[in-house]
């Protein structure tokens, strides 16, 4: 009887020391983290491509393209269609650049 009690006590104590996750749950977590890494990589690749396309605009260099992208202007059409005040609010974008972009409209 005492041995049963100690057996149960031992199983309870050692059970709490072991994680409560089953191997299946661990596999799902690993799969989710792999998917997250893939999504992050594709977003990074897409953002780089978008920034590169913004540099094709006249007067837009790498720094101003990155600033425009981070300000929410993801495409060249969005930059061309943007209001002058919105473009001037972006750091790294000056009046000369805005005038060059106005000519594209």
Protein backbone atom coordinates (compact mmCIF):
# COMPACT_ATOMS: atom_id res chain seq x y z
CA UNK A 1 0.00 0.00 0.00
CA UNK A 2 2.79 2.40 0.86
CA UNK A 3 4.64 1.39 -2.29
CA UNK A 4 1.56 2.33 -4.37
CA UNK A 5 1.41 5.70 -2.63
CA UNK A 6 5.10 6.35 -3.29
CA UNK A 7 4.67 5.15 -6.87
CA UNK A 8 1.88 7.67 -7.48
CA UNK A 9 3.78 10.42 -5.71
CA UNK A 10 6.85 9.67 -7.78
CA UNK A 11 4.86 9.76 -11.04
CA UNK A 12 3.25 13.07 -10.08
CA UNK A 13 6.55 14.66 -9.12
CA UNK A 14 8.39 13.51 -12.21
CA UNK A 15 5.46 14.32 -14.45
CA UNK A 16 5.60 17.97 -13.43
CA UNK A 17 9.31 18.08 -14.18
CA UNK A 18 8.68 16.85 -17.74
CA UNK A 19 6.99 19.24 -20.13
CA UNK A 20 3.33 18.64 -20.65
CA UNK A 21 3.65 18.88 -24.43
CA UNK A 22 3.33 15.75 -26.46
CA UNK A 23 5.74 15.14 -29.33
CA UNK A 24 2.93 15.94 -31.76
CA UNK A 25 2.48 19.41 -30.25
CA UNK A 26 6.21 20.00 -30.51
CA UNK A 27 6.16 19.02 -34.19
CA UNK A 28 3.32 21.46 -34.87
CA UNK A 29 5.24 24.27 -33.17
CA UNK A 30 8.32 23.53 -35.26
CA UNK A 31 6.22 23.51 -38.42
CA UNK A 32 4.63 26.85 -37.50
CA UNK A 33 7.99 28.46 -36.82
CA UNK A 34 9.28 27.22 -40.18
CA UNK A 35 6.26 28.76 -41.92
CA UNK A 36 6.80 32.04 -40.10
CA UNK A 37 10.43 32.14 -41.20
CA UNK A 38 9.39 31.50 -44.81
CA UNK A 39 6.81 34.30 -44.69
CA UNK A 40 9.35 36.67 -43.22
CA UNK A 41 11.85 35.83 -45.95
CA UNK A 42 9.28 36.34 -48.72
CA UNK A 43 8.22 39.67 -47.20
CA UNK A 44 11.85 40.76 -47.07
CA UNK A 45 12.36 39.70 -50.69
CA UNK A 46 9.17 41.49 -51.77
CA UNK A 47 10.14 44.66 -49.94
CA UNK A 48 13.57 44.63 -51.59
CA UNK A 49 11.96 44.22 -55.00
CA UNK A 50 9.54 47.05 -54.32
CA UNK A 51 12.33 49.33 -53.16
CA UNK A 52 14.32 48.47 -56.30
CA UNK A 53 11.34 49.37 -58.49
CA UNK A 54 10.99 52.69 -56.68
CA UNK A 55 14.60 53.51 -57.57
CA UNK A 56 13.61 53.43 -61.23
CA UNK A 57 11.73 56.68 -60.72
CA UNK A 58 13.77 59.72 -61.78
CA UNK A 59 15.64 61.28 -58.90
CA UNK A 60 14.87 58.47 -56.47
CA UNK A 61 17.94 56.80 -54.99
CA UNK A 62 18.23 53.87 -52.64
CA UNK A 63 17.80 55.91 -49.46
CA UNK A 64 14.79 57.88 -50.65
CA UNK A 65 13.23 54.72 -52.11
CA UNK A 66 13.56 52.99 -48.74
CA UNK A 67 12.09 56.03 -46.99
CA UNK A 68 9.16 56.14 -49.41
CA UNK A 69 8.54 52.42 -48.97
CA UNK A 70 8.59 52.70 -45.19
CA UNK A 71 6.22 55.69 -45.39
CA UNK A 72 3.66 53.51 -47.14
CA UNK A 73 4.33 54.20 -50.82
CA UNK A 74 4.82 50.61 -51.97
CA UNK A 75 4.53 51.06 -55.73
CA UNK A 76 5.63 53.59 -58.32
CA UNK A 77 1.98 54.36 -59.08
CA UNK A 78 1.39 55.22 -55.44
CA UNK A 79 4.34 57.61 -55.45
CA UNK A 80 3.26 59.30 -58.67
CA UNK A 81 -0.35 59.64 -57.51
CA UNK A 82 0.60 60.93 -54.05
CA UNK A 83 -0.03 64.49 -52.94
CA UNK A 84 2.98 66.81 -52.77
CA UNK A 85 2.48 67.41 -49.04
CA UNK A 86 2.49 63.68 -48.33
CA UNK A 87 5.72 63.20 -50.26
CA UNK A 88 7.41 66.13 -48.55
CA UNK A 89 6.50 64.64 -45.18
CA UNK A 90 8.79 61.68 -45.92
CA UNK A 91 12.31 62.20 -44.62
CA UNK A 92 14.84 62.20 -47.44
CA UNK A 93 12.38 63.59 -49.99
CA UNK A 94 12.88 67.21 -50.97
CA UNK A 95 11.15 69.71 -53.18
CA UNK A 96 13.40 68.91 -56.16
CA UNK A 97 12.38 65.27 -56.09
CA UNK A 98 8.71 66.17 -55.76
CA UNK A 99 9.00 68.43 -58.81
CA UNK A 100 10.59 65.61 -60.83
CA UNK A 101 7.79 63.28 -59.78
CA UNK A 102 5.13 65.87 -60.68
CA UNK A 103 6.40 65.82 -64.25
CA UNK A 104 5.51 62.12 -64.47
CA UNK A 105 1.80 62.79 -63.91
